[in-house]
Amino acid sequence: MQQPKHWQDLVNAVLGIWVIISPWALGFDGSSMAMSNAVIVGALLVATALGAAFVPRAWEEWTEAGLGVWLVVSPWVLGFSGNRNAMLSMVITGVIVVALALWTLFTDKDYSAAMRERMVH
């Protein structure tokens, strides 16, 4: 089995699992919008993060960052910001996911060189 290139992607995969199970762990499984959002976005995050860990591409990191941003704003966009447990779980997890994805993008020499190359042209 190939070794993962970035440990941050494995952490984001674990965070994706947390997002999936958070409705039951934190007791907001009664809110269908919050629960559906958690399960769908969590599954997408797990898939993207594992893909980025074992077949690394910059677009996967950007996708992880986008999913993290969605987690941060989703309580207000989908109307479950009044559910404190759901809102805090999504916001805190989303901020961590974004931070880890951006950390990977800006510290990986291959990704940062490609971004600099695009900015020059």
PDB file of N, CA and C in Angstrom:
ATOM      1  N   MET A   1       0.840  -1.188   0.000  1.00  0.00           N
ATOM      2  CA  MET A   1       0.000   0.000   0.000  1.00  0.00           C
ATOM      3  C   MET A   1       0.881   1.245   0.000  1.00  0.00           C
ATOM      4  N   GLN A   2       0.480   2.223  -0.754  1.00  0.00           N
ATOM      5  CA  GLN A   2       1.216   3.472  -0.862  1.00  0.00           C
ATOM      6  C   GLN A   2       1.080   4.287   0.429  1.00  0.00           C
ATOM      7  N   GLN A   3       2.160   4.929   0.837  1.00  0.00           N
ATOM      8  CA  GLN A   3       2.132   5.796   2.007  1.00  0.00           C
ATOM      9  C   GLN A   3       1.452   7.118   1.649  1.00  0.00           C
ATOM     10  N   PRO A   4       0.646   7.663   2.554  1.00  0.00           N
ATOM     11  CA  PRO A   4       0.023   8.954   2.273  1.00  0.00           C
ATOM     12  C   PRO A   4       1.077  10.056   2.191  1.00  0.00           C
ATOM     13  N   LYS A   5       0.863  11.004   1.298  1.00  0.00           N
ATOM     14  CA  LYS A   5       1.819  12.096   1.121  1.00  0.00           C
ATOM     15  C   LYS A   5       1.677  13.149   2.214  1.00  0.00           C
ATOM     16  N   HIS A   6       0.445  13.412   2.647  1.00  0.00           N
ATOM     17  CA  HIS A   6       0.194  14.465   3.631  1.00  0.00           C
ATOM     18  C   HIS A   6      -0.624  13.916   4.795  1.00  0.00           C
ATOM     19  N   TRP A   7      -0.094  14.043   5.996  1.00  0.00           N
ATOM     20  CA  TRP A   7      -0.827  13.586   7.172  1.00  0.00           C
ATOM     21  C   TRP A   7      -2.112  14.389   7.364  1.00  0.00           C
ATOM     22  N   GLN A   8      -2.146  15.625   6.879  1.00  0.00           N
ATOM     23  CA  GLN A   8      -3.325  16.473   7.041  1.00  0.00           C
ATOM     24  C   GLN A   8      -4.555  15.861   6.380  1.00  0.00           C
ATOM     25  N   ASP A   9      -4.346  15.154   5.273  1.00  0.00           N
ATOM     26  CA  ASP A   9      -5.475  14.527   4.586  1.00  0.00           C
ATOM     27  C   ASP A   9      -6.080  13.410   5.421  1.00  0.00           C
ATOM     28  N   LEU A  10      -5.235  12.651   6.118  1.00  0.00           N
ATOM     29  CA  LEU A  10      -5.761  11.593   6.988  1.00  0.00           C
ATOM     30  C   LEU A  10      -6.550  12.190   8.152  1.00  0.00           C
ATOM     31  N   VAL A  11      -6.077  13.305   8.683  1.00  0.00           N
ATOM     32  CA  VAL A  11      -6.822  13.990   9.748  1.00  0.00           C
ATOM     33  C   VAL A  11      -8.161  14.480   9.205  1.00  0.00           C
ATOM     34  N   ASN A  12      -8.163  15.026   7.992  1.00  0.00           N
ATOM     35  CA  ASN A  12      -9.428  15.469   7.399  1.00  0.00           C
ATOM     36  C   ASN A  12     -10.375  14.298   7.151  1.00  0.00           C
ATOM     37  N   ALA A  13      -9.848  13.127   6.822  1.00  0.00           N
ATOM     38  CA  ALA A  13     -10.707  11.944   6.657  1.00  0.00           C
ATOM     39  C   ALA A  13     -11.348  11.577   7.993  1.00  0.00           C
ATOM     40  N   VAL A  14     -10.566  11.629   9.058  1.00  0.00           N
ATOM     41  CA  VAL A  14     -11.113  11.344  10.401  1.00  0.00           C
ATOM     42  C   VAL A  14     -12.152  12.398  10.770  1.00  0.00           C
ATOM     43  N   LEU A  15     -11.882  13.651  10.437  1.00  0.00           N
ATOM     44  CA  LEU A  15     -12.870  14.704  10.692  1.00  0.00           C
ATOM     45  C   LEU A  15     -14.147  14.458   9.889  1.00  0.00           C
ATOM     46  N   GLY A  16     -14.011  13.933   8.686  1.00  0.00           N
ATOM     47  CA  GLY A  16     -15.183  13.576   7.891  1.00  0.00           C
ATOM     48  C   GLY A  16     -16.014  12.499   8.573  1.00  0.00           C
ATOM     49  N   ILE A  17     -15.334  11.519   9.155  1.00  0.00           N
ATOM     50  CA  ILE A  17     -16.049  10.476   9.907  1.00  0.00           C
ATOM     51  C   ILE A  17     -16.756  11.106  11.096  1.00  0.00           C
ATOM     52  N   TRP A  18     -16.075  12.031  11.770  1.00  0.00           N
ATOM     53  CA  TRP A  18     -16.717  12.735  12.894  1.00  0.00           C
ATOM     54  C   TRP A  18     -17.985  13.460  12.420  1.00  0.00           C
ATOM     55  N   VAL A  19     -17.896  14.143  11.288  1.00  0.00           N
ATOM     56  CA  VAL A  19     -19.054  14.877  10.780  1.00  0.00           C
ATOM     57  C   VAL A  19     -20.209  13.906  10.525  1.00  0.00           C
ATOM     58  N   ILE A  20     -19.910  12.732   9.968  1.00  0.00           N
ATOM     59  CA  ILE A  20     -20.954  11.738   9.697  1.00  0.00           C
ATOM     60  C   ILE A  20     -21.642  11.279  10.973  1.00  0.00           C
ATOM     61  N   ILE A  21     -20.886  11.000  12.013  1.00  0.00           N
ATOM     62  CA  ILE A  21     -21.479  10.452  13.243  1.00  0.00           C
ATOM     63  C   ILE A  21     -21.944  11.526  14.223  1.00  0.00           C
ATOM     64  N   SER A  22     -21.586  12.776  13.976  1.00  0.00           N
ATOM     65  CA  SER A  22     -21.915  13.849  14.921  1.00  0.00           C
ATOM     66  C   SER A  22     -23.410  14.015  15.213  1.00  0.00           C
ATOM     67  N   PRO A  23     -24.324  13.794  14.264  1.00  0.00           N
ATOM     68  CA  PRO A  23     -25.739  13.943  14.631  1.00  0.00           C
ATOM     69  C   PRO A  23     -26.162  13.010  15.767  1.00  0.00           C
ATOM     70  N   TRP A  24     -25.645  11.808  15.772  1.00  0.00           N
ATOM     71  CA  TRP A  24     -25.993  10.860  16.821  1.00  0.00           C
ATOM     72  C   TRP A  24     -25.170  11.099  18.081  1.00  0.00           C
ATOM     73  N   ALA A  25     -23.911  11.449  17.903  1.00  0.00           N
ATOM     74  CA  ALA A  25     -23.041  11.688  19.060  1.00  0.00           C
ATOM     75  C   ALA A  25     -23.458  12.940  19.828  1.00  0.00           C
ATOM     76  N   LEU A  26     -23.938  13.951  19.121  1.00  0.00           N
ATOM     77  CA  LEU A  26     -24.282  15.223  19.757  1.00  0.00           C
ATOM     78  C   LEU A  26     -25.789  15.433  19.895  1.00  0.00           C
ATOM     79  N   GLY A  27     -26.573  14.464  19.429  1.00  0.00           N
ATOM     80  CA  GLY A  27     -28.014  14.513  19.626  1.00  0.00           C
ATOM     81  C   GLY A  27     -28.788  15.445  18.723  1.00  0.00           C
ATOM     82  N   PHE A  28     -28.294  15.699  17.514  1.00  0.00           N
ATOM     83  CA  PHE A  28     -29.104  16.502  16.593  1.00  0.00           C
ATOM     84  C   PHE A  28     -29.617  15.678  15.420  1.00  0.00           C
ATOM     85  N   ASP A  29     -29.757  14.366  15.643  1.00  0.00           N
ATOM     86  CA  ASP A  29     -30.295  13.490  14.607  1.00  0.00           C
ATOM     87  C   ASP A  29     -31.780  13.739  14.346  1.00  0.00           C
ATOM     88  N   GLY A  30     -32.445  14.494  15.206  1.00  0.00           N
ATOM     89  CA  GLY A  30     -33.845  14.850  14.995  1.00  0.00           C
ATOM     90  C   GLY A  30     -34.029  15.989  14.005  1.00  0.00           C
ATOM     91  N   SER A  31     -32.964  16.697  13.702  1.00  0.00           N
ATOM     92  CA  SER A  31     -33.009  17.784  12.723  1.00  0.00           C
ATOM     93  C   SER A  31     -32.604  17.218  11.369  1.00  0.00           C
ATOM     94  N   SER A  32     -33.586  16.984  10.518  1.00  0.00           N
ATOM     95  CA  SER A  32     -33.288  16.303   9.258  1.00  0.00           C
ATOM     96  C   SER A  32     -32.319  17.098   8.381  1.00  0.00           C
ATOM     97  N   MET A  33     -32.427  18.416   8.371  1.00  0.00           N
ATOM     98  CA  MET A  33     -31.531  19.218   7.534  1.00  0.00           C
ATOM     99  C   MET A  33     -30.097  19.123   8.046  1.00  0.00           C
ATOM    100  N   ALA A  34     -29.901  19.285   9.345  1.00  0.00           N
ATOM    101  CA  ALA A  34     -28.552  19.218   9.924  1.00  0.00           C
ATOM    102  C   ALA A  34     -27.975  17.817   9.769  1.00  0.00           C
ATOM    103  N   MET A  35     -28.795  16.809   9.999  1.00  0.00           N
ATOM    104  CA  MET A  35     -28.319  15.431   9.892  1.00  0.00           C
ATOM    105  C   MET A  35     -27.968  15.081   8.443  1.00  0.00           C
ATOM    106  N   SER A  36     -28.823  15.420   7.513  1.00  0.00           N
ATOM    107  CA  SER A  36     -28.543  15.135   6.097  1.00  0.00           C
ATOM    108  C   SER A  36     -27.271  15.837   5.639  1.00  0.00           C
ATOM    109  N   ASN A  37     -27.131  17.086   6.029  1.00  0.00           N
ATOM    110  CA  ASN A  37     -25.935  17.849   5.678  1.00  0.00           C
ATOM    111  C   ASN A  37     -24.689  17.157   6.240  1.00  0.00           C
ATOM    112  N   ALA A  38     -24.742  16.751   7.488  1.00  0.00           N
ATOM    113  CA  ALA A  38     -23.587  16.117   8.127  1.00  0.00           C
ATOM    114  C   ALA A  38     -23.205  14.818   7.426  1.00  0.00           C
ATOM    115  N   VAL A  39     -24.171  14.002   7.128  1.00  0.00           N
ATOM    116  CA  VAL A  39     -23.883  12.700   6.505  1.00  0.00           C
ATOM    117  C   VAL A  39     -23.339  12.882   5.090  1.00  0.00           C
ATOM    118  N   ILE A  40     -23.969  13.736   4.308  1.00  0.00           N
ATOM    119  CA  ILE A  40     -23.541  13.923   2.916  1.00  0.00           C
ATOM    120  C   ILE A  40     -22.171  14.598   2.845  1.00  0.00           C
ATOM    121  N   VAL A  41     -22.001  15.707   3.552  1.00  0.00           N
ATOM    122  CA  VAL A  41     -20.729  16.432   3.492  1.00  0.00           C
ATOM    123  C   VAL A  41     -19.620  15.607   4.145  1.00  0.00           C
ATOM    124  N   GLY A  42     -19.946  14.911   5.221  1.00  0.00           N
ATOM    125  CA  GLY A  42     -18.947  14.052   5.861  1.00  0.00           C
ATOM    126  C   GLY A  42     -18.456  12.959   4.927  1.00  0.00           C
ATOM    127  N   ALA A  43     -19.381  12.332   4.199  1.00  0.00           N
ATOM    128  CA  ALA A  43     -18.990  11.280   3.249  1.00  0.00           C
ATOM    129  C   ALA A  43     -18.136  11.854   2.116  1.00  0.00           C
ATOM    130  N   LEU A  44     -18.512  13.014   1.613  1.00  0.00           N
ATOM    131  CA  LEU A  44     -17.706  13.669   0.571  1.00  0.00           C
ATOM    132  C   LEU A  44     -16.317  14.018   1.084  1.00  0.00           C
ATOM    133  N   LEU A  45     -16.246  14.478   2.326  1.00  0.00           N
ATOM    134  CA  LEU A  45     -14.954  14.830   2.909  1.00  0.00           C
ATOM    135  C   LEU A  45     -14.074  13.600   3.086  1.00  0.00           C
ATOM    136  N   VAL A  46     -14.641  12.506   3.569  1.00  0.00           N
ATOM    137  CA  VAL A  46     -13.864  11.264   3.722  1.00  0.00           C
ATOM    138  C   VAL A  46     -13.321  10.820   2.369  1.00  0.00           C
ATOM    139  N   ALA A  47     -14.185  10.782   1.364  1.00  0.00           N
ATOM    140  CA  ALA A  47     -13.760  10.327   0.034  1.00  0.00           C
ATOM    141  C   ALA A  47     -12.676  11.234  -0.548  1.00  0.00           C
ATOM    142  N   THR A  48     -12.872  12.525  -0.459  1.00  0.00           N
ATOM    143  CA  THR A  48     -11.898  13.476  -1.016  1.00  0.00           C
ATOM    144  C   THR A  48     -10.579  13.415  -0.262  1.00  0.00           C
ATOM    145  N   ALA A  49     -10.650  13.367   1.052  1.00  0.00           N
ATOM    146  CA  ALA A  49      -9.425  13.352   1.863  1.00  0.00           C
ATOM    147  C   ALA A  49      -8.631  12.070   1.639  1.00  0.00           C
ATOM    148  N   LEU A  50      -9.310  10.940   1.539  1.00  0.00           N
ATOM    149  CA  LEU A  50      -8.587   9.689   1.275  1.00  0.00           C
ATOM    150  C   LEU A  50      -7.997   9.689  -0.132  1.00  0.00           C
ATOM    151  N   GLY A  51      -8.726  10.230  -1.086  1.00  0.00           N
ATOM    152  CA  GLY A  51      -8.173  10.367  -2.432  1.00  0.00           C
ATOM    153  C   GLY A  51      -6.937  11.249  -2.427  1.00  0.00           C
ATOM    154  N   ALA A  52      -7.005  12.356  -1.702  1.00  0.00           N
ATOM    155  CA  ALA A  52      -5.866  13.274  -1.627  1.00  0.00           C
ATOM    156  C   ALA A  52      -4.691  12.645  -0.893  1.00  0.00           C
ATOM    157  N   ALA A  53      -4.971  11.780   0.054  1.00  0.00           N
ATOM    158  CA  ALA A  53      -3.888  11.148   0.815  1.00  0.00           C
ATOM    159  C   ALA A  53      -3.107  10.155  -0.031  1.00  0.00           C
ATOM    160  N   PHE A  54      -3.799   9.423  -0.876  1.00  0.00           N
ATOM    161  CA  PHE A  54      -3.140   8.338  -1.594  1.00  0.00           C
ATOM    162  C   PHE A  54      -2.874   8.621  -3.071  1.00  0.00           C
ATOM    163  N   VAL A  55      -3.612   9.543  -3.669  1.00  0.00           N
ATOM    164  CA  VAL A  55      -3.358   9.964  -5.052  1.00  0.00           C
ATOM    165  C   VAL A  55      -3.430  11.500  -5.038  1.00  0.00           C
ATOM    166  N   PRO A  56      -2.398  12.142  -4.497  1.00  0.00           N
ATOM    167  CA  PRO A  56      -2.479  13.578  -4.239  1.00  0.00           C
ATOM    168  C   PRO A  56      -2.555  14.450  -5.493  1.00  0.00           C
ATOM    169  N   ARG A  57      -3.507  15.343  -5.455  1.00  0.00           N
ATOM    170  CA  ARG A  57      -3.691  16.357  -6.496  1.00  0.00           C
ATOM    171  C   ARG A  57      -4.139  17.638  -5.792  1.00  0.00           C
ATOM    172  N   ALA A  58      -3.725  18.762  -6.310  1.00  0.00           N
ATOM    173  CA  ALA A  58      -4.075  20.040  -5.689  1.00  0.00           C
ATOM    174  C   ALA A  58      -5.590  20.264  -5.666  1.00  0.00           C
ATOM    175  N   TRP A  59      -6.294  19.827  -6.710  1.00  0.00           N
ATOM    176  CA  TRP A  59      -7.741  20.061  -6.747  1.00  0.00           C
ATOM    177  C   TRP A  59      -8.449  19.373  -5.591  1.00  0.00           C
ATOM    178  N   GLU A  60      -7.888  18.260  -5.115  1.00  0.00           N
ATOM    179  CA  GLU A  60      -8.499  17.577  -3.972  1.00  0.00           C
ATOM    180  C   GLU A  60      -8.367  18.418  -2.706  1.00  0.00           C
ATOM    181  N   GLU A  61      -7.238  19.086  -2.576  1.00  0.00           N
ATOM    182  CA  GLU A  61      -7.055  19.972  -1.415  1.00  0.00           C
ATOM    183  C   GLU A  61      -8.025  21.149  -1.493  1.00  0.00           C
ATOM    184  N   TRP A  62      -8.189  21.699  -2.691  1.00  0.00           N
ATOM    185  CA  TRP A  62      -9.145  22.791  -2.860  1.00  0.00           C
ATOM    186  C   TRP A  62     -10.570  22.310  -2.573  1.00  0.00           C
ATOM    187  N   THR A  63     -10.859  21.076  -2.956  1.00  0.00           N
ATOM    188  CA  THR A  63     -12.189  20.515  -2.672  1.00  0.00           C
ATOM    189  C   THR A  63     -12.399  20.359  -1.176  1.00  0.00           C
ATOM    190  N   GLU A  64     -11.371  19.857  -0.484  1.00  0.00           N
ATOM    191  CA  GLU A  64     -11.465  19.760   0.977  1.00  0.00           C
ATOM    192  C   GLU A  64     -11.701  21.136   1.593  1.00  0.00           C
ATOM    193  N   ALA A  65     -10.974  22.135   1.116  1.00  0.00           N
ATOM    194  CA  ALA A  65     -11.153  23.495   1.638  1.00  0.00           C
ATOM    195  C   ALA A  65     -12.576  23.989   1.381  1.00  0.00           C
ATOM    196  N   GLY A  66     -13.090  23.724   0.187  1.00  0.00           N
ATOM    197  CA  GLY A  66     -14.458  24.120  -0.137  1.00  0.00           C
ATOM    198  C   GLY A  66     -15.486  23.438   0.747  1.00  0.00           C
ATOM    199  N   LEU A  67     -15.275  22.151   1.010  1.00  0.00           N
ATOM    200  CA  LEU A  67     -16.182  21.432   1.907  1.00  0.00           C
ATOM    201  C   LEU A  67     -16.104  22.011   3.317  1.00  0.00           C
ATOM    202  N   GLY A  68     -14.904  22.390   3.736  1.00  0.00           N
ATOM    203  CA  GLY A  68     -14.745  23.016   5.045  1.00  0.00           C
ATOM    204  C   GLY A  68     -15.479  24.346   5.132  1.00  0.00           C
ATOM    205  N   VAL A  69     -15.366  25.152   4.082  1.00  0.00           N
ATOM    206  CA  VAL A  69     -16.092  26.429   4.052  1.00  0.00           C
ATOM    207  C   VAL A  69     -17.595  26.172   4.106  1.00  0.00           C
ATOM    208  N   TRP A  70     -18.060  25.170   3.353  1.00  0.00           N
ATOM    209  CA  TRP A  70     -19.486  24.831   3.394  1.00  0.00           C
ATOM    210  C   TRP A  70     -19.909  24.440   4.812  1.00  0.00           C
ATOM    211  N   LEU A  71     -19.081  23.645   5.497  1.00  0.00           N
ATOM    212  CA  LEU A  71     -19.423  23.270   6.871  1.00  0.00           C
ATOM    213  C   LEU A  71     -19.584  24.505   7.746  1.00  0.00           C
ATOM    214  N   VAL A  72     -18.720  25.496   7.563  1.00  0.00           N
ATOM    215  CA  VAL A  72     -18.783  26.721   8.370  1.00  0.00           C
ATOM    216  C   VAL A  72     -20.075  27.499   8.106  1.00  0.00           C
ATOM    217  N   VAL A  73     -20.469  27.638   6.858  1.00  0.00           N
ATOM    218  CA  VAL A  73     -21.638  28.481   6.537  1.00  0.00           C
ATOM    219  C   VAL A  73     -22.954  27.710   6.526  1.00  0.00           C
ATOM    220  N   SER A  74     -22.908  26.387   6.449  1.00  0.00           N
ATOM    221  CA  SER A  74     -24.137  25.603   6.288  1.00  0.00           C
ATOM    222  C   SER A  74     -25.175  25.786   7.392  1.00  0.00           C
ATOM    223  N   PRO A  75     -24.801  26.001   8.652  1.00  0.00           N
ATOM    224  CA  PRO A  75     -25.869  26.189   9.650  1.00  0.00           C
ATOM    225  C   PRO A  75     -26.777  27.380   9.340  1.00  0.00           C
ATOM    226  N   TRP A  76     -26.228  28.432   8.767  1.00  0.00           N
ATOM    227  CA  TRP A  76     -27.025  29.615   8.438  1.00  0.00           C
ATOM    228  C   TRP A  76     -27.711  29.451   7.095  1.00  0.00           C
ATOM    229  N   VAL A  77     -27.024  28.872   6.127  1.00  0.00           N
ATOM    230  CA  VAL A  77     -27.620  28.685   4.800  1.00  0.00           C
ATOM    231  C   VAL A  77     -28.794  27.710   4.870  1.00  0.00           C
ATOM    232  N   LEU A  78     -28.629  26.640   5.641  1.00  0.00           N
ATOM    233  CA  LEU A  78     -29.671  25.611   5.718  1.00  0.00           C
ATOM    234  C   LEU A  78     -30.641  25.817   6.881  1.00  0.00           C
ATOM    235  N   GLY A  79     -30.387  26.815   7.711  1.00  0.00           N
ATOM    236  CA  GLY A  79     -31.333  27.181   8.759  1.00  0.00           C
ATOM    237  C   GLY A  79     -31.295  26.350  10.033  1.00  0.00           C
ATOM    238  N   PHE A  80     -30.154  25.779  10.380  1.00  0.00           N
ATOM    239  CA  PHE A  80     -30.087  25.058  11.652  1.00  0.00           C
ATOM    240  C   PHE A  80     -29.094  25.696  12.632  1.00  0.00           C
ATOM    241  N   SER A  81     -28.835  26.994  12.460  1.00  0.00           N
ATOM    242  CA  SER A  81     -27.901  27.681  13.348  1.00  0.00           C
ATOM    243  C   SER A  81     -28.426  27.778  14.778  1.00  0.00           C
ATOM    244  N   GLY A  82     -29.740  27.627  14.953  1.00  0.00           N
ATOM    245  CA  GLY A  82     -30.317  27.640  16.293  1.00  0.00           C
ATOM    246  C   GLY A  82     -30.017  26.382  17.091  1.00  0.00           C
ATOM    247  N   ASN A  83     -29.599  25.337  16.413  1.00  0.00           N
ATOM    248  CA  ASN A  83     -29.212  24.100  17.094  1.00  0.00           C
ATOM    249  C   ASN A  83     -27.729  24.226  17.441  1.00  0.00           C
ATOM    250  N   ARG A  84     -27.462  24.599  18.683  1.00  0.00           N
ATOM    251  CA  ARG A  84     -26.097  24.923  19.119  1.00  0.00           C
ATOM    252  C   ARG A  84     -25.114  23.787  18.866  1.00  0.00           C
ATOM    253  N   ASN A  85     -25.499  22.556  19.182  1.00  0.00           N
ATOM    254  CA  ASN A  85     -24.584  21.425  18.993  1.00  0.00           C
ATOM    255  C   ASN A  85     -24.228  21.231  17.517  1.00  0.00           C
ATOM    256  N   ALA A  86     -25.236  21.276  16.668  1.00  0.00           N
ATOM    257  CA  ALA A  86     -24.993  21.100  15.236  1.00  0.00           C
ATOM    258  C   ALA A  86     -24.157  22.249  14.686  1.00  0.00           C
ATOM    259  N   MET A  87     -24.512  23.472  15.073  1.00  0.00           N
ATOM    260  CA  MET A  87     -23.804  24.642  14.563  1.00  0.00           C
ATOM    261  C   MET A  87     -22.344  24.629  14.991  1.00  0.00           C
ATOM    262  N   LEU A  88     -22.080  24.422  16.262  1.00  0.00           N
ATOM    263  CA  LEU A  88     -20.697  24.420  16.738  1.00  0.00           C
ATOM    264  C   LEU A  88     -19.879  23.292  16.123  1.00  0.00           C
ATOM    265  N   SER A  89     -20.478  22.124  15.995  1.00  0.00           N
ATOM    266  CA  SER A  89     -19.767  20.997  15.396  1.00  0.00           C
ATOM    267  C   SER A  89     -19.371  21.301  13.957  1.00  0.00           C
ATOM    268  N   MET A  90     -20.304  21.826  13.183  1.00  0.00           N
ATOM    269  CA  MET A  90     -20.025  22.126  11.783  1.00  0.00           C
ATOM    270  C   MET A  90     -18.991  23.246  11.652  1.00  0.00           C
ATOM    271  N   VAL A  91     -19.141  24.316  12.428  1.00  0.00           N
ATOM    272  CA  VAL A  91     -18.243  25.467  12.315  1.00  0.00           C
ATOM    273  C   VAL A  91     -16.819  25.104  12.748  1.00  0.00           C
ATOM    274  N   ILE A  92     -16.685  24.487  13.909  1.00  0.00           N
ATOM    275  CA  ILE A  92     -15.347  24.146  14.407  1.00  0.00           C
ATOM    276  C   ILE A  92     -14.660  23.147  13.479  1.00  0.00           C
ATOM    277  N   THR A  93     -15.398  22.120  13.085  1.00  0.00           N
ATOM    278  CA  THR A  93     -14.810  21.126  12.176  1.00  0.00           C
ATOM    279  C   THR A  93     -14.451  21.764  10.839  1.00  0.00           C
ATOM    280  N   GLY A  94     -15.323  22.605  10.318  1.00  0.00           N
ATOM    281  CA  GLY A  94     -15.062  23.270   9.043  1.00  0.00           C
ATOM    282  C   GLY A  94     -13.816  24.137   9.078  1.00  0.00           C
ATOM    283  N   VAL A  95     -13.626  24.879  10.151  1.00  0.00           N
ATOM    284  CA  VAL A  95     -12.441  25.731  10.276  1.00  0.00           C
ATOM    285  C   VAL A  95     -11.173  24.878  10.281  1.00  0.00           C
ATOM    286  N   ILE A  96     -11.206  23.768  10.992  1.00  0.00           N
ATOM    287  CA  ILE A  96     -10.031  22.882  11.041  1.00  0.00           C
ATOM    288  C   ILE A  96      -9.757  22.284   9.663  1.00  0.00           C
ATOM    289  N   VAL A  97     -10.795  21.837   8.979  1.00  0.00           N
ATOM    290  CA  VAL A  97     -10.634  21.253   7.640  1.00  0.00           C
ATOM    291  C   VAL A  97     -10.021  22.270   6.680  1.00  0.00           C
ATOM    292  N   VAL A  98     -10.529  23.490   6.687  1.00  0.00           N
ATOM    293  CA  VAL A  98      -9.993  24.534   5.810  1.00  0.00           C
ATOM    294  C   VAL A  98      -8.523  24.794   6.138  1.00  0.00           C
ATOM    295  N   ALA A  99      -8.217  24.915   7.426  1.00  0.00           N
ATOM    296  CA  ALA A  99      -6.836  25.189   7.838  1.00  0.00           C
ATOM    297  C   ALA A  99      -5.888  24.089   7.379  1.00  0.00           C
ATOM    298  N   LEU A 100      -6.293  22.830   7.543  1.00  0.00           N
ATOM    299  CA  LEU A 100      -5.425  21.722   7.142  1.00  0.00           C
ATOM    300  C   LEU A 100      -5.254  21.655   5.624  1.00  0.00           C
ATOM    301  N   ALA A 101      -6.329  21.894   4.889  1.00  0.00           N
ATOM    302  CA  ALA A 101      -6.237  21.859   3.425  1.00  0.00           C
ATOM    303  C   ALA A 101      -5.339  22.984   2.908  1.00  0.00           C
ATOM    304  N   LEU A 102      -5.512  24.181   3.450  1.00  0.00           N
ATOM    305  CA  LEU A 102      -4.673  25.299   3.014  1.00  0.00           C
ATOM    306  C   LEU A 102      -3.219  25.099   3.437  1.00  0.00           C
ATOM    307  N   TRP A 103      -3.019  24.546   4.614  1.00  0.00           N
ATOM    308  CA  TRP A 103      -1.662  24.237   5.073  1.00  0.00           C
ATOM    309  C   TRP A 103      -0.976  23.317   4.056  1.00  0.00           C
ATOM    310  N   THR A 104      -1.681  22.289   3.647  1.00  0.00           N
ATOM    311  CA  THR A 104      -1.129  21.350   2.662  1.00  0.00           C
ATOM    312  C   THR A 104      -0.838  22.053   1.341  1.00  0.00           C
ATOM    313  N   LEU A 105      -1.781  22.846   0.870  1.00  0.00           N
ATOM    314  CA  LEU A 105      -1.600  23.538  -0.414  1.00  0.00           C
ATOM    315  C   LEU A 105      -0.393  24.467  -0.399  1.00  0.00           C
ATOM    316  N   PHE A 106      -0.192  25.179   0.695  1.00  0.00           N
ATOM    317  CA  PHE A 106       0.859  26.185   0.716  1.00  0.00           C
ATOM    318  C   PHE A 106       2.208  25.670   1.211  1.00  0.00           C
ATOM    319  N   THR A 107       2.254  24.447   1.732  1.00  0.00           N
ATOM    320  CA  THR A 107       3.540  23.906   2.175  1.00  0.00           C
ATOM    321  C   THR A 107       4.078  22.822   1.254  1.00  0.00           C
ATOM    322  N   ASP A 108       3.241  22.237   0.424  1.00  0.00           N
ATOM    323  CA  ASP A 108       3.704  21.228  -0.523  1.00  0.00           C
ATOM    324  C   ASP A 108       4.407  21.939  -1.677  1.00  0.00           C
ATOM    325  N   LYS A 109       5.661  21.608  -1.886  1.00  0.00           N
ATOM    326  CA  LYS A 109       6.453  22.284  -2.920  1.00  0.00           C
ATOM    327  C   LYS A 109       5.855  22.118  -4.310  1.00  0.00           C
ATOM    328  N   ASP A 110       5.303  20.941  -4.613  1.00  0.00           N
ATOM    329  CA  ASP A 110       4.709  20.718  -5.928  1.00  0.00           C
ATOM    330  C   ASP A 110       3.495  21.620  -6.150  1.00  0.00           C
ATOM    331  N   TYR A 111       2.635  21.720  -5.137  1.00  0.00           N
ATOM    332  CA  TYR A 111       1.432  22.533  -5.275  1.00  0.00           C
ATOM    333  C   TYR A 111       1.770  24.020  -5.323  1.00  0.00           C
ATOM    334  N   SER A 112       2.635  24.473  -4.426  1.00  0.00           N
ATOM    335  CA  SER A 112       2.952  25.898  -4.380  1.00  0.00           C
ATOM    336  C   SER A 112       3.713  26.339  -5.632  1.00  0.00           C
ATOM    337  N   ALA A 113       4.574  25.479  -6.179  1.00  0.00           N
ATOM    338  CA  ALA A 113       5.282  25.817  -7.415  1.00  0.00           C
ATOM    339  C   ALA A 113       4.290  25.955  -8.567  1.00  0.00           C
ATOM    340  N   ALA A 114       3.320  25.066  -8.643  1.00  0.00           N
ATOM    341  CA  ALA A 114       2.310  25.136  -9.704  1.00  0.00           C
ATOM    342  C   ALA A 114       1.468  26.407  -9.563  1.00  0.00           C
ATOM    343  N   MET A 115       1.133  26.787  -8.325  1.00  0.00           N
ATOM    344  CA  MET A 115       0.354  28.004  -8.128  1.00  0.00           C
ATOM    345  C   MET A 115       1.161  29.234  -8.517  1.00  0.00           C
ATOM    346  N   ARG A 116       2.445  29.261  -8.154  1.00  0.00           N
ATOM    347  CA  ARG A 116       3.290  30.402  -8.537  1.00  0.00           C
ATOM    348  C   ARG A 116       3.433  30.483 -10.048  1.00  0.00           C
ATOM    349  N   GLU A 117       3.571  29.332 -10.693  1.00  0.00           N
ATOM    350  CA  GLU A 117       3.709  29.280 -12.155  1.00  0.00           C
ATOM    351  C   GLU A 117       2.456  29.865 -12.825  1.00  0.00           C
ATOM    352  N   ARG A 118       1.291  29.535 -12.301  1.00  0.00           N
ATOM    353  CA  ARG A 118       0.039  30.039 -12.884  1.00  0.00           C
ATOM    354  C   ARG A 118      -0.097  31.542 -12.685  1.00  0.00           C
ATOM    355  N   MET A 119       0.377  32.038 -11.545  1.00  0.00           N
ATOM    356  CA  MET A 119       0.275  33.471 -11.266  1.00  0.00           C
ATOM    357  C   MET A 119       1.186  34.282 -12.173  1.00  0.00           C
ATOM    358  N   VAL A 120       2.310  33.716 -12.556  1.00  0.00           N
ATOM    359  CA  VAL A 120       3.271  34.413 -13.405  1.00  0.00           C
ATOM    360  C   VAL A 120       2.729  34.541 -14.817  1.00  0.00           C
ATOM    361  N   HIS A 121       2.006  33.527 -15.282  1.00  0.00           N
ATOM    362  CA  HIS A 121       1.530  33.525 -16.680  1.00  0.00           C
ATOM    363  C   HIS A 121       0.170  34.075 -16.769  1.00  0.00           C
TER     364      HIS A 121
END
